[in-house]
Every structure is written in C-alpha cells, then in structure tokens.
N, C-alpha and C. Protein backbone atom coordinates (compact mmCIF):
# COMPACT_ATOMS: atom_id res chain seq x y z
N UNK A 1 18.08 -1.27 -81.68
CA UNK A 1 18.29 -0.45 -80.49
C UNK A 1 18.47 1.00 -80.92
N UNK A 2 18.21 1.95 -80.04
CA UNK A 2 18.47 3.35 -80.38
C UNK A 2 19.93 3.53 -80.79
N UNK A 3 20.16 4.22 -81.90
CA UNK A 3 21.50 4.42 -82.46
C UNK A 3 22.17 3.12 -82.86
N UNK A 4 21.39 2.05 -82.98
CA UNK A 4 21.95 0.75 -83.35
C UNK A 4 22.02 0.59 -84.86
N UNK A 5 22.32 -0.63 -85.27
CA UNK A 5 22.43 -0.97 -86.69
C UNK A 5 21.04 -0.94 -87.33
N UNK A 6 20.95 -0.41 -88.53
CA UNK A 6 19.68 -0.37 -89.26
C UNK A 6 19.33 -1.79 -89.69
N UNK A 7 18.12 -2.24 -89.32
CA UNK A 7 17.70 -3.60 -89.65
C UNK A 7 16.50 -3.63 -90.59
N UNK A 8 15.92 -2.48 -90.87
CA UNK A 8 14.77 -2.46 -91.76
C UNK A 8 14.28 -1.04 -91.98
N UNK A 9 13.19 -0.96 -92.73
CA UNK A 9 12.64 0.35 -93.08
C UNK A 9 11.13 0.23 -93.21
N UNK A 10 10.42 1.24 -92.71
CA UNK A 10 8.98 1.33 -92.95
C UNK A 10 8.77 2.02 -94.28
N UNK A 11 7.92 1.45 -95.12
CA UNK A 11 7.66 2.03 -96.43
C UNK A 11 6.16 2.17 -96.63
N UNK A 12 5.77 3.32 -97.13
CA UNK A 12 4.37 3.59 -97.46
C UNK A 12 4.20 3.43 -98.97
N UNK A 13 3.22 2.63 -99.38
CA UNK A 13 2.90 2.50 -100.80
C UNK A 13 1.47 2.95 -101.01
N UNK A 14 1.25 3.70 -102.06
CA UNK A 14 -0.08 4.19 -102.39
C UNK A 14 -0.50 3.54 -103.70
N UNK A 15 -1.68 2.92 -103.66
CA UNK A 15 -2.24 2.29 -104.87
C UNK A 15 -3.57 2.97 -105.16
N UNK A 16 -3.55 3.82 -106.14
CA UNK A 16 -4.75 4.63 -106.47
C UNK A 16 -5.94 3.77 -106.90
N UNK A 17 -5.69 2.60 -107.51
CA UNK A 17 -6.78 1.80 -108.07
C UNK A 17 -7.39 0.83 -107.06
N UNK A 18 -6.93 0.84 -105.83
CA UNK A 18 -7.43 -0.10 -104.83
C UNK A 18 -8.78 0.37 -104.29
N UNK A 19 -9.79 -0.52 -104.31
CA UNK A 19 -11.13 -0.16 -103.85
C UNK A 19 -11.21 -0.04 -102.33
N UNK A 20 -10.34 -0.74 -101.63
CA UNK A 20 -10.29 -0.66 -100.17
C UNK A 20 -9.47 0.59 -99.83
N UNK A 21 -8.59 0.48 -98.88
CA UNK A 21 -7.69 1.57 -98.54
C UNK A 21 -6.57 1.62 -99.57
N UNK A 22 -6.23 2.79 -100.09
CA UNK A 22 -5.15 2.86 -101.07
C UNK A 22 -3.77 2.91 -100.43
N UNK A 23 -3.70 2.92 -99.08
CA UNK A 23 -2.43 3.04 -98.39
C UNK A 23 -2.02 1.71 -97.78
N UNK A 24 -0.76 1.35 -97.99
CA UNK A 24 -0.21 0.13 -97.43
C UNK A 24 1.14 0.46 -96.82
N UNK A 25 1.39 -0.07 -95.62
CA UNK A 25 2.68 0.14 -94.97
C UNK A 25 3.37 -1.21 -94.86
N UNK A 26 4.63 -1.22 -95.27
CA UNK A 26 5.43 -2.43 -95.25
C UNK A 26 6.61 -2.24 -94.32
N UNK A 27 7.00 -3.32 -93.66
CA UNK A 27 8.24 -3.38 -92.91
C UNK A 27 9.19 -4.20 -93.77
N UNK A 28 10.21 -3.54 -94.29
CA UNK A 28 11.17 -4.19 -95.17
C UNK A 28 12.47 -4.40 -94.40
N UNK A 29 12.89 -5.66 -94.32
CA UNK A 29 14.17 -6.00 -93.69
C UNK A 29 15.04 -6.66 -94.75
N UNK A 30 16.25 -7.04 -94.39
CA UNK A 30 17.14 -7.68 -95.36
C UNK A 30 16.59 -9.02 -95.81
N UNK A 31 15.77 -9.68 -94.96
CA UNK A 31 15.23 -10.99 -95.31
C UNK A 31 13.82 -10.97 -95.90
N UNK A 32 13.07 -9.88 -95.65
CA UNK A 32 11.64 -9.97 -95.90
C UNK A 32 11.04 -8.59 -96.19
N UNK A 33 9.89 -8.60 -96.83
CA UNK A 33 9.05 -7.40 -96.98
C UNK A 33 7.66 -7.82 -96.55
N UNK A 34 7.22 -7.32 -95.40
CA UNK A 34 5.96 -7.75 -94.82
C UNK A 34 4.97 -6.59 -94.75
N UNK A 35 3.77 -6.79 -95.32
CA UNK A 35 2.73 -5.78 -95.18
C UNK A 35 2.22 -5.82 -93.75
N UNK A 36 2.14 -4.65 -93.13
CA UNK A 36 1.69 -4.57 -91.74
C UNK A 36 0.17 -4.45 -91.71
N UNK A 37 -0.46 -5.29 -90.91
CA UNK A 37 -1.91 -5.27 -90.76
C UNK A 37 -2.32 -4.06 -89.94
N UNK A 38 -3.56 -3.62 -90.12
CA UNK A 38 -4.04 -2.43 -89.42
C UNK A 38 -4.09 -2.62 -87.91
N UNK A 39 -4.06 -3.86 -87.41
CA UNK A 39 -4.06 -4.04 -85.96
C UNK A 39 -2.73 -3.62 -85.33
N UNK A 40 -1.72 -3.30 -86.16
CA UNK A 40 -0.47 -2.72 -85.64
C UNK A 40 -0.60 -1.22 -85.41
N UNK A 41 -1.71 -0.64 -85.80
CA UNK A 41 -1.91 0.80 -85.74
C UNK A 41 -3.14 1.12 -84.90
N UNK A 42 -3.32 2.40 -84.61
CA UNK A 42 -4.50 2.87 -83.88
C UNK A 42 -5.27 3.81 -84.81
N UNK A 43 -6.57 3.57 -84.93
CA UNK A 43 -7.42 4.47 -85.71
C UNK A 43 -7.64 5.72 -84.87
N UNK A 44 -7.19 6.87 -85.36
CA UNK A 44 -7.30 8.11 -84.59
C UNK A 44 -8.19 9.14 -85.27
N UNK A 45 -8.69 8.83 -86.45
CA UNK A 45 -9.58 9.72 -87.17
C UNK A 45 -10.25 8.94 -88.28
N UNK A 46 -11.04 9.61 -89.08
CA UNK A 46 -11.72 8.95 -90.18
C UNK A 46 -10.69 8.53 -91.21
N UNK A 47 -10.37 7.22 -91.24
CA UNK A 47 -9.35 6.64 -92.12
C UNK A 47 -7.96 7.19 -91.83
N UNK A 48 -7.70 7.64 -90.62
CA UNK A 48 -6.39 8.14 -90.22
C UNK A 48 -5.87 7.22 -89.12
N UNK A 49 -4.69 6.66 -89.36
CA UNK A 49 -4.09 5.73 -88.41
C UNK A 49 -2.79 6.31 -87.84
N UNK A 50 -2.46 5.89 -86.64
CA UNK A 50 -1.19 6.26 -86.01
C UNK A 50 -0.41 4.99 -85.72
N UNK A 51 0.90 5.12 -85.73
CA UNK A 51 1.77 4.03 -85.32
C UNK A 51 2.07 4.27 -83.85
N UNK A 52 1.54 3.45 -82.94
CA UNK A 52 1.80 3.71 -81.53
C UNK A 52 3.26 3.44 -81.17
N UNK A 53 3.79 4.26 -80.26
CA UNK A 53 5.12 3.98 -79.75
C UNK A 53 5.01 3.73 -78.26
N UNK A 54 5.95 2.96 -77.75
CA UNK A 54 5.83 2.43 -76.40
C UNK A 54 6.91 2.92 -75.45
N UNK A 55 7.92 3.58 -75.99
CA UNK A 55 9.00 4.09 -75.17
C UNK A 55 9.74 5.11 -76.01
N UNK A 56 10.30 6.10 -75.35
CA UNK A 56 11.08 7.12 -76.03
C UNK A 56 12.44 7.20 -75.33
N UNK A 57 13.52 7.13 -76.14
CA UNK A 57 14.86 7.17 -75.57
C UNK A 57 15.82 7.80 -76.58
N UNK A 58 16.51 8.84 -76.16
CA UNK A 58 17.54 9.49 -76.99
C UNK A 58 17.05 9.82 -78.39
N UNK A 59 15.89 10.45 -78.51
CA UNK A 59 15.30 10.85 -79.79
C UNK A 59 14.92 9.67 -80.68
N UNK A 60 14.72 8.51 -80.08
CA UNK A 60 14.21 7.33 -80.77
C UNK A 60 12.93 6.90 -80.08
N UNK A 61 12.01 6.29 -80.84
CA UNK A 61 10.80 5.71 -80.26
C UNK A 61 10.74 4.23 -80.61
N UNK A 62 10.21 3.44 -79.65
CA UNK A 62 10.09 1.99 -79.83
C UNK A 62 8.71 1.69 -80.40
N UNK A 63 8.68 1.01 -81.54
CA UNK A 63 7.42 0.70 -82.23
C UNK A 63 7.35 -0.78 -82.56
N UNK A 64 6.18 -1.21 -83.01
CA UNK A 64 5.96 -2.56 -83.53
C UNK A 64 6.47 -3.63 -82.57
N UNK A 65 6.07 -3.53 -81.31
CA UNK A 65 6.57 -4.48 -80.31
C UNK A 65 6.15 -5.91 -80.62
N UNK A 66 5.02 -6.11 -81.30
CA UNK A 66 4.60 -7.46 -81.67
C UNK A 66 5.54 -8.08 -82.70
N UNK A 67 6.25 -7.24 -83.44
CA UNK A 67 7.15 -7.72 -84.49
C UNK A 67 8.59 -7.83 -84.02
N UNK A 68 8.91 -7.30 -82.85
CA UNK A 68 10.28 -7.44 -82.37
C UNK A 68 10.90 -6.20 -81.76
N UNK A 69 10.11 -5.26 -81.27
CA UNK A 69 10.68 -4.08 -80.59
C UNK A 69 11.62 -3.27 -81.49
N UNK A 70 11.13 -2.75 -82.55
CA UNK A 70 11.92 -1.92 -83.44
C UNK A 70 11.98 -0.49 -82.92
N UNK A 71 13.06 0.20 -83.22
CA UNK A 71 13.25 1.59 -82.84
C UNK A 71 13.39 2.42 -84.10
N UNK A 72 12.83 3.62 -84.09
CA UNK A 72 12.94 4.52 -85.24
C UNK A 72 13.29 5.92 -84.72
N UNK A 73 14.16 6.60 -85.44
CA UNK A 73 14.60 7.94 -85.05
C UNK A 73 13.48 8.95 -85.32
N UNK A 74 13.29 9.85 -84.38
CA UNK A 74 12.27 10.89 -84.56
C UNK A 74 12.55 11.74 -85.79
N UNK A 75 13.85 11.99 -86.08
CA UNK A 75 14.17 12.81 -87.26
C UNK A 75 13.73 12.11 -88.54
N UNK A 76 13.76 10.77 -88.56
CA UNK A 76 13.26 10.04 -89.73
C UNK A 76 11.75 10.18 -89.84
N UNK A 77 11.07 10.15 -88.71
CA UNK A 77 9.62 10.35 -88.72
C UNK A 77 9.28 11.74 -89.26
N UNK A 78 10.04 12.74 -88.83
CA UNK A 78 9.78 14.11 -89.26
C UNK A 78 9.95 14.29 -90.76
N UNK A 79 10.90 13.56 -91.37
CA UNK A 79 11.12 13.70 -92.81
C UNK A 79 9.95 13.17 -93.63
N UNK A 80 9.14 12.26 -93.04
CA UNK A 80 7.96 11.75 -93.75
C UNK A 80 6.67 12.32 -93.14
N UNK A 81 6.81 13.47 -92.47
CA UNK A 81 5.68 14.24 -91.93
C UNK A 81 4.90 13.52 -90.84
N UNK A 82 5.58 12.73 -90.04
CA UNK A 82 5.02 12.12 -88.84
C UNK A 82 5.59 12.86 -87.64
N UNK A 83 4.89 12.81 -86.53
CA UNK A 83 5.37 13.40 -85.29
C UNK A 83 5.22 12.39 -84.17
N UNK A 84 6.25 12.24 -83.37
CA UNK A 84 6.16 11.37 -82.19
C UNK A 84 5.48 12.18 -81.09
N UNK A 85 4.29 11.77 -80.73
CA UNK A 85 3.48 12.52 -79.78
C UNK A 85 2.98 11.57 -78.71
N UNK A 86 3.10 11.96 -77.45
CA UNK A 86 2.60 11.12 -76.37
C UNK A 86 1.07 11.07 -76.42
N UNK A 87 0.51 9.99 -75.86
CA UNK A 87 -0.95 9.86 -75.83
C UNK A 87 -1.59 11.04 -75.11
N UNK A 88 -0.98 11.46 -74.02
CA UNK A 88 -1.60 12.54 -73.25
C UNK A 88 -1.67 13.82 -74.07
N UNK A 89 -0.61 14.14 -74.81
CA UNK A 89 -0.63 15.33 -75.67
C UNK A 89 -1.64 15.17 -76.80
N UNK A 90 -1.70 13.99 -77.39
CA UNK A 90 -2.67 13.74 -78.45
C UNK A 90 -4.10 13.92 -77.93
N UNK A 91 -4.40 13.31 -76.79
CA UNK A 91 -5.75 13.38 -76.24
C UNK A 91 -6.14 14.82 -75.92
N UNK A 92 -5.21 15.60 -75.36
CA UNK A 92 -5.50 17.00 -75.05
C UNK A 92 -5.75 17.81 -76.32
N UNK A 93 -4.96 17.56 -77.36
CA UNK A 93 -5.14 18.30 -78.62
C UNK A 93 -6.47 17.96 -79.30
N UNK A 94 -6.90 16.72 -79.18
CA UNK A 94 -8.13 16.27 -79.85
C UNK A 94 -9.38 16.49 -78.99
N UNK A 95 -9.23 16.89 -77.76
CA UNK A 95 -10.32 16.97 -76.79
C UNK A 95 -11.55 17.71 -77.32
N UNK A 96 -11.35 18.85 -77.96
CA UNK A 96 -12.49 19.63 -78.45
C UNK A 96 -12.96 19.18 -79.83
N UNK A 97 -12.18 18.35 -80.50
CA UNK A 97 -12.54 17.90 -81.85
C UNK A 97 -13.41 16.65 -81.85
N UNK A 98 -13.31 15.85 -80.80
CA UNK A 98 -14.06 14.60 -80.76
C UNK A 98 -15.38 14.81 -80.02
N UNK A 99 -16.33 13.93 -80.29
CA UNK A 99 -17.62 13.96 -79.62
C UNK A 99 -17.42 13.90 -78.11
N UNK A 100 -16.55 13.03 -77.68
CA UNK A 100 -16.19 12.86 -76.27
C UNK A 100 -15.31 11.65 -76.16
N UNK A 101 -14.69 11.48 -75.00
CA UNK A 101 -13.92 10.29 -74.72
C UNK A 101 -14.75 9.39 -73.83
N UNK A 102 -14.43 8.11 -73.87
CA UNK A 102 -15.14 7.11 -73.08
C UNK A 102 -14.12 6.18 -72.46
N UNK A 103 -14.46 5.60 -71.32
CA UNK A 103 -13.56 4.69 -70.61
C UNK A 103 -13.48 3.36 -71.34
N UNK A 104 -12.26 2.88 -71.56
CA UNK A 104 -12.08 1.54 -72.11
C UNK A 104 -12.56 0.52 -71.09
N UNK A 105 -12.98 -0.64 -71.56
CA UNK A 105 -13.41 -1.72 -70.67
C UNK A 105 -12.24 -2.13 -69.80
N UNK A 106 -12.47 -2.43 -68.57
CA UNK A 106 -13.73 -2.64 -67.87
C UNK A 106 -14.33 -1.37 -67.26
N UNK A 107 -13.71 -0.21 -67.49
CA UNK A 107 -14.19 1.05 -66.95
C UNK A 107 -13.09 1.77 -66.18
N UNK A 108 -13.40 2.95 -65.70
CA UNK A 108 -12.44 3.77 -64.97
C UNK A 108 -13.07 4.34 -63.71
N UNK A 109 -12.24 4.79 -62.82
CA UNK A 109 -12.70 5.40 -61.58
C UNK A 109 -12.36 6.89 -61.58
N UNK A 110 -13.30 7.68 -61.13
CA UNK A 110 -13.07 9.11 -60.93
C UNK A 110 -12.74 9.27 -59.44
N UNK A 111 -11.65 9.96 -59.17
CA UNK A 111 -11.19 10.13 -57.79
C UNK A 111 -11.13 11.61 -57.42
N UNK A 112 -11.12 11.88 -56.11
CA UNK A 112 -11.04 13.27 -55.63
C UNK A 112 -9.67 13.89 -55.90
N UNK A 113 -8.62 13.07 -55.84
CA UNK A 113 -7.25 13.53 -56.07
C UNK A 113 -6.58 12.57 -57.05
N UNK A 114 -5.47 13.00 -57.68
CA UNK A 114 -4.81 12.15 -58.70
C UNK A 114 -3.93 11.04 -58.13
N UNK A 115 -4.51 10.17 -57.32
CA UNK A 115 -3.82 8.99 -56.82
C UNK A 115 -4.83 7.86 -56.65
N UNK A 116 -4.36 6.63 -56.76
CA UNK A 116 -5.27 5.49 -56.60
C UNK A 116 -5.73 5.32 -55.16
N UNK A 117 -5.05 5.96 -54.22
CA UNK A 117 -5.47 5.86 -52.82
C UNK A 117 -6.47 6.94 -52.43
N UNK A 118 -6.75 7.86 -53.33
CA UNK A 118 -7.71 8.94 -53.05
C UNK A 118 -9.14 8.40 -53.02
N UNK A 119 -10.02 9.15 -52.38
CA UNK A 119 -11.43 8.76 -52.29
C UNK A 119 -12.06 8.63 -53.67
N UNK A 120 -12.86 7.59 -53.81
CA UNK A 120 -13.56 7.33 -55.06
C UNK A 120 -14.77 8.26 -55.17
N UNK A 121 -14.90 8.92 -56.32
CA UNK A 121 -16.08 9.73 -56.60
C UNK A 121 -17.14 8.86 -57.25
N UNK A 122 -16.73 8.14 -58.32
CA UNK A 122 -17.65 7.25 -59.01
C UNK A 122 -16.87 6.38 -59.99
N UNK A 123 -17.33 5.17 -60.22
CA UNK A 123 -16.79 4.29 -61.24
C UNK A 123 -17.69 4.41 -62.46
N UNK A 124 -17.08 4.49 -63.64
CA UNK A 124 -17.86 4.67 -64.86
C UNK A 124 -17.45 3.66 -65.91
N UNK A 125 -18.38 3.34 -66.81
CA UNK A 125 -18.08 2.53 -67.99
C UNK A 125 -19.20 2.71 -69.00
N UNK A 126 -18.85 2.51 -70.25
CA UNK A 126 -19.84 2.62 -71.32
C UNK A 126 -19.88 4.00 -71.93
N UNK A 127 -20.57 4.10 -73.07
CA UNK A 127 -20.57 5.36 -73.80
C UNK A 127 -21.71 6.30 -73.43
N UNK A 128 -22.36 6.07 -72.29
CA UNK A 128 -23.29 7.07 -71.76
C UNK A 128 -22.55 8.04 -70.83
N UNK A 129 -21.28 7.73 -70.53
CA UNK A 129 -20.42 8.61 -69.72
C UNK A 129 -19.42 9.28 -70.65
N UNK A 130 -19.68 10.51 -71.01
CA UNK A 130 -18.82 11.26 -71.93
C UNK A 130 -17.79 12.06 -71.13
N UNK A 131 -16.52 11.82 -71.40
CA UNK A 131 -15.42 12.42 -70.65
C UNK A 131 -14.84 13.59 -71.43
N UNK A 132 -14.71 14.72 -70.75
CA UNK A 132 -14.01 15.88 -71.31
C UNK A 132 -12.82 16.17 -70.42
N UNK A 133 -11.68 16.40 -71.03
CA UNK A 133 -10.44 16.62 -70.31
C UNK A 133 -10.24 18.10 -70.02
N UNK A 134 -9.57 18.39 -68.91
CA UNK A 134 -9.12 19.76 -68.63
C UNK A 134 -7.63 19.81 -68.98
N UNK A 135 -7.02 20.95 -68.78
CA UNK A 135 -5.58 21.06 -69.00
C UNK A 135 -4.80 20.80 -67.72
N UNK A 136 -5.48 20.36 -66.67
CA UNK A 136 -4.80 20.03 -65.42
C UNK A 136 -4.34 18.59 -65.48
N UNK A 137 -3.04 18.40 -65.56
CA UNK A 137 -2.42 17.09 -65.70
C UNK A 137 -1.44 16.88 -64.55
N UNK A 138 -1.47 15.70 -63.97
CA UNK A 138 -0.46 15.30 -62.98
C UNK A 138 -0.06 13.87 -63.32
N UNK A 139 1.09 13.72 -63.99
CA UNK A 139 1.55 12.40 -64.41
C UNK A 139 0.59 11.78 -65.40
N UNK A 140 0.03 10.62 -65.05
CA UNK A 140 -0.91 9.90 -65.92
C UNK A 140 -2.36 10.33 -65.68
N UNK A 141 -2.55 11.29 -64.79
CA UNK A 141 -3.88 11.71 -64.36
C UNK A 141 -4.28 13.04 -64.99
N UNK A 142 -5.59 13.20 -65.19
CA UNK A 142 -6.13 14.44 -65.73
C UNK A 142 -7.40 14.77 -64.96
N UNK A 143 -7.60 16.05 -64.68
CA UNK A 143 -8.86 16.48 -64.09
C UNK A 143 -9.90 16.45 -65.21
N UNK A 144 -11.05 15.85 -64.93
CA UNK A 144 -12.06 15.63 -65.97
C UNK A 144 -13.43 16.11 -65.52
N UNK A 145 -14.26 16.32 -66.53
CA UNK A 145 -15.68 16.56 -66.32
C UNK A 145 -16.40 15.48 -67.12
N UNK A 146 -17.23 14.70 -66.45
CA UNK A 146 -17.90 13.58 -67.10
C UNK A 146 -19.41 13.84 -67.10
N UNK A 147 -19.99 13.80 -68.28
CA UNK A 147 -21.43 13.96 -68.41
C UNK A 147 -22.07 12.60 -68.55
N UNK A 148 -23.00 12.30 -67.66
CA UNK A 148 -23.76 11.04 -67.73
C UNK A 148 -25.06 11.34 -68.46
N UNK A 149 -25.24 10.71 -69.60
CA UNK A 149 -26.44 10.90 -70.42
C UNK A 149 -27.47 9.81 -70.13
N UNK A 150 -28.73 10.14 -70.34
CA UNK A 150 -29.82 9.15 -70.25
C UNK A 150 -29.78 8.26 -71.50
N UNK A 151 -29.60 8.91 -72.65
CA UNK A 151 -29.49 8.21 -73.94
C UNK A 151 -28.28 8.76 -74.66
N UNK A 152 -27.68 7.93 -75.50
CA UNK A 152 -26.49 8.40 -76.21
C UNK A 152 -26.86 9.57 -77.12
N UNK A 153 -26.06 10.65 -77.10
CA UNK A 153 -26.38 11.83 -77.91
C UNK A 153 -26.53 11.56 -79.40
N UNK A 154 -25.90 10.51 -79.93
CA UNK A 154 -26.04 10.19 -81.35
C UNK A 154 -27.35 9.45 -81.65
N UNK A 155 -28.02 8.96 -80.62
CA UNK A 155 -29.19 8.10 -80.84
C UNK A 155 -30.43 8.57 -80.10
N UNK A 156 -30.52 9.86 -79.83
CA UNK A 156 -31.65 10.34 -79.05
C UNK A 156 -32.36 11.50 -79.75
N UNK A 157 -33.62 11.66 -79.41
CA UNK A 157 -34.38 12.82 -79.85
C UNK A 157 -34.50 13.85 -78.73
N UNK A 158 -33.94 13.52 -77.56
CA UNK A 158 -34.00 14.43 -76.42
C UNK A 158 -33.11 15.66 -76.67
N UNK A 159 -33.54 16.80 -76.14
CA UNK A 159 -32.70 17.99 -76.16
C UNK A 159 -31.54 17.75 -75.21
N UNK A 160 -30.40 18.41 -75.44
CA UNK A 160 -29.23 18.23 -74.59
C UNK A 160 -29.55 18.39 -73.11
N UNK A 161 -30.27 19.45 -72.77
CA UNK A 161 -30.56 19.72 -71.35
C UNK A 161 -31.44 18.63 -70.74
N UNK A 162 -32.29 18.00 -71.52
CA UNK A 162 -33.16 16.94 -71.02
C UNK A 162 -32.46 15.58 -70.98
N UNK A 163 -31.38 15.46 -71.74
CA UNK A 163 -30.68 14.19 -71.84
C UNK A 163 -29.59 14.02 -70.77
N UNK A 164 -29.17 15.12 -70.18
CA UNK A 164 -28.10 15.06 -69.17
C UNK A 164 -28.67 14.61 -67.83
N UNK A 165 -28.14 13.50 -67.35
CA UNK A 165 -28.56 12.96 -66.05
C UNK A 165 -27.80 13.63 -64.91
N UNK A 166 -26.47 13.77 -65.08
CA UNK A 166 -25.65 14.45 -64.08
C UNK A 166 -24.27 14.72 -64.66
N UNK A 167 -23.52 15.60 -64.00
CA UNK A 167 -22.13 15.90 -64.37
C UNK A 167 -21.26 15.59 -63.16
N UNK A 168 -20.19 14.84 -63.41
CA UNK A 168 -19.29 14.39 -62.36
C UNK A 168 -17.92 15.00 -62.64
N UNK A 169 -17.27 15.52 -61.60
CA UNK A 169 -15.93 16.08 -61.78
C UNK A 169 -14.96 15.40 -60.83
N UNK A 170 -13.73 15.29 -61.26
CA UNK A 170 -12.69 14.69 -60.44
C UNK A 170 -11.47 14.37 -61.28
N UNK A 171 -10.64 13.47 -60.77
CA UNK A 171 -9.40 13.07 -61.43
C UNK A 171 -9.53 11.65 -61.96
N UNK A 172 -8.98 11.44 -63.16
CA UNK A 172 -9.04 10.13 -63.80
C UNK A 172 -7.66 9.78 -64.34
N UNK A 173 -7.26 8.52 -64.18
CA UNK A 173 -6.00 8.04 -64.73
C UNK A 173 -6.24 7.72 -66.21
N UNK A 174 -5.88 8.67 -67.08
CA UNK A 174 -6.21 8.52 -68.51
C UNK A 174 -5.13 7.77 -69.29
N UNK A 175 -3.96 7.57 -68.67
CA UNK A 175 -2.88 6.81 -69.30
C UNK A 175 -2.56 5.63 -68.40
N UNK A 176 -2.51 4.42 -68.98
CA UNK A 176 -2.25 3.23 -68.15
C UNK A 176 -0.76 3.09 -67.86
N UNK A 177 -0.41 2.09 -67.09
CA UNK A 177 0.98 1.89 -66.68
C UNK A 177 1.91 1.49 -67.82
N UNK A 178 1.35 1.07 -68.96
CA UNK A 178 2.15 0.75 -70.15
C UNK A 178 2.30 1.94 -71.09
N UNK A 179 1.72 3.09 -70.71
CA UNK A 179 1.82 4.29 -71.53
C UNK A 179 0.73 4.42 -72.57
N UNK A 180 -0.26 3.53 -72.57
CA UNK A 180 -1.34 3.56 -73.55
C UNK A 180 -2.53 4.34 -72.97
N UNK A 181 -3.40 4.78 -73.83
CA UNK A 181 -4.57 5.53 -73.41
C UNK A 181 -5.60 4.61 -72.75
N UNK A 182 -6.21 5.07 -71.68
CA UNK A 182 -7.34 4.37 -71.05
C UNK A 182 -8.67 4.81 -71.66
N UNK A 183 -8.61 5.65 -72.67
CA UNK A 183 -9.81 6.23 -73.27
C UNK A 183 -9.96 5.78 -74.72
N UNK A 184 -11.19 5.80 -75.18
CA UNK A 184 -11.46 5.58 -76.60
C UNK A 184 -12.45 6.65 -77.04
N UNK A 185 -12.65 6.78 -78.33
CA UNK A 185 -13.60 7.75 -78.88
C UNK A 185 -14.06 7.27 -80.23
N UNK A 186 -15.17 7.84 -80.68
CA UNK A 186 -15.69 7.50 -82.00
C UNK A 186 -14.87 8.26 -83.03
N UNK A 187 -13.93 7.55 -83.66
CA UNK A 187 -13.01 8.18 -84.61
C UNK A 187 -13.74 8.73 -85.83
N UNK A 188 -14.89 8.16 -86.14
CA UNK A 188 -15.63 8.61 -87.32
C UNK A 188 -16.84 9.47 -86.93
N UNK A 189 -16.95 9.87 -85.67
CA UNK A 189 -18.09 10.68 -85.23
C UNK A 189 -19.30 9.80 -85.01
N UNK A 190 -20.47 10.43 -84.93
CA UNK A 190 -21.72 9.68 -84.70
C UNK A 190 -22.02 8.72 -85.83
C-alpha cells in the first residue's frame, strides 16, 4: 500500500554477454526473486520498455497488478532515472516523434464533441487511419486529425498527396476507463 511496509524491490540487471536483450528486471521479495516477463511492460520505443502504472496516490504509483498490486514511490523511480508519466502526457510528448497513432482493436469513434453522447463523425480501425493529436484535451478526450490513406505510407510508392483519401477531424477518447491508452503505434517505425 502507499506508505506501507516494504515487501519487495525492482532490480535491473545488465548482462553484456547476452545475445538477446541484455536487460533483465526482477521483482525481489523476502520469499522469491522472479524475473519479470516483457508482457508486464509496454514497448514504447525501439527496445525501450515502460512499466505501466494504473493508479497514482500520495506520490505512489500502483504497478504490476498481475503480480499483486504493488506500489512504488515516485521518489524511488526518480533515483533510478524513471518518471511516472500519465499516458496522455506520454502520447502528447511522442506525437511528433512517431509515424502516427492508430486505434486499438476493435476501433474508435470520432465525435463532434468530447462526450460519448455527441454526434458520431466516423468510426475508424486499422493502420490506414493515422491519428495525430492536438493539444486540446478534455479529460480522456483529445481533439484529433485523422488521415485516411489509400495504402499504408510504409508500403506504398504513391506520393503523399496521392495517397491521402481524406482527413477527418473531431474528438476521440484516447484514454480508456482503466487509464490505459486506446492508441498504438509502430514503436520501431516503418
């Protein structure tokens, strides 16, 4: 619990001679030392992973919910050069660095206003709909510009102007009710 008794520690081990990834993260408790699988993390860049957090309370973040809802102090994260950052802030910071964002399955709806009761502009899914975020945020919603391509930009010989089918603007719920991102992107580029 936040400010509770310490029950374990996250440890990073680096093995220079490993042909796979040289980085390993362990959860060490009084009873066990368990290597954490990569499915506990989110790939956010080329070989760059994040530890997702699910709640923030009193300068603590809740992590590793599959393992038992552990809490870690933000000041401890800062000492090992990690930052507790909300998905919305992360997505906004990365917006110009990534090829584009795409709707997670089963897809997303673009609305005229930032509410589920607002008029539907269009429903989108798949990676032919490239989402760019604006800095207009209202709760879990962001004003977006979505480019619908004829062919994926990584797999086409068409010029950009010939490949664009249409541009759609409106509001999209980019963060789900659990606090996770409704968007994905090609972490390694094309």
